[in-house]
Structures are given as C-alpha cells and as structure tokens.
Amino acid sequence: GQTAGPSALAEQAVAAYAELPGGGQNTVLARMTRIAGLSTVPRLAIEQQGLLQLWSTHCSHQRCATCPLAGA
C-alpha cells in the first residue's frame, strides 16, 4: 500500500492488522510461548505470527545462537 497506493489506506490497513485476533492455540504456539517466557499465548495475530516466524527461522532449524530469544 505504501508503494502502490494512498498512504492513508496503507496506514488504515496496518492499524486493522494490528488489531486482528489470533487463530487460537496450537502446539507450536504453546511451545514458543514457553520458550519466550510468556504466561499465555498472545491473543493478537501479529504477535502469534511473530512467534511462528521465530519458530520457522530459528527453532525448527536449531539456530539457537542467532535467535533473539536466546538471551531472554
């Protein structure tokens, strides 16, 4: 949206995305919640997707040394 359309529309899309509810709990989210030291699975989609991205790029490949959660 920021490169091909009105910036106001892009800003509205970002704001809407930031409020979308997550898809619920699954085994990967439960595991990542524990690894991240969170007490509950995040409720927002953007937060859940962040944990799933960390799983995909780091945990599933055992790249612990480069994971941002390694020092957490």
Protein backbone atom coordinates (compact mmCIF):
# COMPACT_ATOMS: atom_id res chain seq x y z
CA GLY A 1 0.00 0.00 0.00
CA GLN A 2 2.78 2.44 0.77
CA THR A 3 4.44 1.97 -2.63
CA ALA A 4 1.42 1.49 -4.88
CA GLY A 5 -1.45 3.28 -3.21
CA PRO A 6 -2.57 6.10 -0.98
CA SER A 7 -0.56 6.23 2.23
CA ALA A 8 -3.72 6.81 4.28
CA LEU A 9 -5.10 3.49 3.04
CA ALA A 10 -1.85 1.75 3.93
CA GLU A 11 -1.98 3.23 7.43
CA GLN A 12 -5.56 2.01 7.87
CA ALA A 13 -4.53 -1.48 6.77
CA VAL A 14 -1.66 -1.56 9.26
CA ALA A 15 -3.96 -0.38 12.06
CA ALA A 16 -6.55 -3.03 11.20
CA TYR A 17 -3.90 -5.77 11.03
CA ALA A 18 -2.55 -4.80 14.45
CA GLU A 19 -5.99 -5.48 15.97
CA LEU A 20 -6.82 -8.81 14.30
CA PRO A 21 -7.35 -11.67 16.74
CA GLY A 22 -5.08 -14.66 16.53
CA GLY A 23 -6.05 -18.04 15.24
CA GLY A 24 -6.04 -19.80 18.58
CA GLN A 25 -3.58 -22.11 20.25
CA ASN A 26 -1.60 -24.89 18.60
CA THR A 27 1.42 -26.95 19.64
CA VAL A 28 3.98 -24.64 18.02
CA LEU A 29 2.47 -21.55 19.64
CA ALA A 30 2.31 -23.32 23.00
CA ARG A 31 5.98 -24.31 22.71
CA MET A 32 7.04 -20.83 21.58
CA THR A 33 5.05 -19.25 24.42
CA ARG A 34 7.09 -21.30 26.91
CA ILE A 35 10.39 -20.55 25.14
CA ALA A 36 9.62 -16.83 25.12
CA GLY A 37 8.75 -16.93 28.82
CA LEU A 38 5.18 -15.75 28.28
CA SER A 39 2.43 -16.79 30.67
CA THR A 40 -0.22 -17.16 27.95
CA VAL A 41 -0.38 -17.47 24.18
CA PRO A 42 -0.61 -13.98 22.66
CA ARG A 43 -4.13 -13.14 21.53
CA LEU A 44 -3.30 -10.91 18.54
CA ALA A 45 -2.49 -12.38 15.13
CA ILE A 46 0.56 -10.14 14.68
CA GLU A 47 2.04 -11.41 17.96
CA GLN A 48 1.29 -15.04 17.15
CA GLN A 49 2.81 -14.63 13.70
CA GLY A 50 5.95 -13.20 15.29
CA LEU A 51 6.36 -16.32 17.42
CA LEU A 52 5.67 -18.55 14.43
CA GLN A 53 8.30 -16.66 12.40
CA LEU A 54 10.87 -17.21 15.15
CA TRP A 55 9.98 -20.90 15.17
CA SER A 56 10.31 -21.11 11.41
CA THR A 57 13.63 -19.30 11.12
CA HIS A 58 15.36 -20.39 14.32
CA CYS A 59 13.83 -23.15 16.44
CA SER A 60 12.87 -25.57 13.68
CA HIS A 61 16.44 -25.38 12.34
CA GLN A 62 18.04 -25.39 15.82
CA ARG A 63 19.65 -22.00 15.22
CA CYS A 64 19.54 -21.07 18.88
CA ALA A 65 22.71 -18.98 18.78
CA THR A 66 21.13 -16.46 16.41
CA CYS A 67 17.67 -16.40 17.96
CA PRO A 68 16.56 -13.09 19.54
CA LEU A 69 15.02 -15.11 22.40
CA ALA A 70 18.32 -16.79 23.27
CA GLY A 71 19.14 -14.11 25.82
CA ALA A 72 15.59 -13.90 27.17
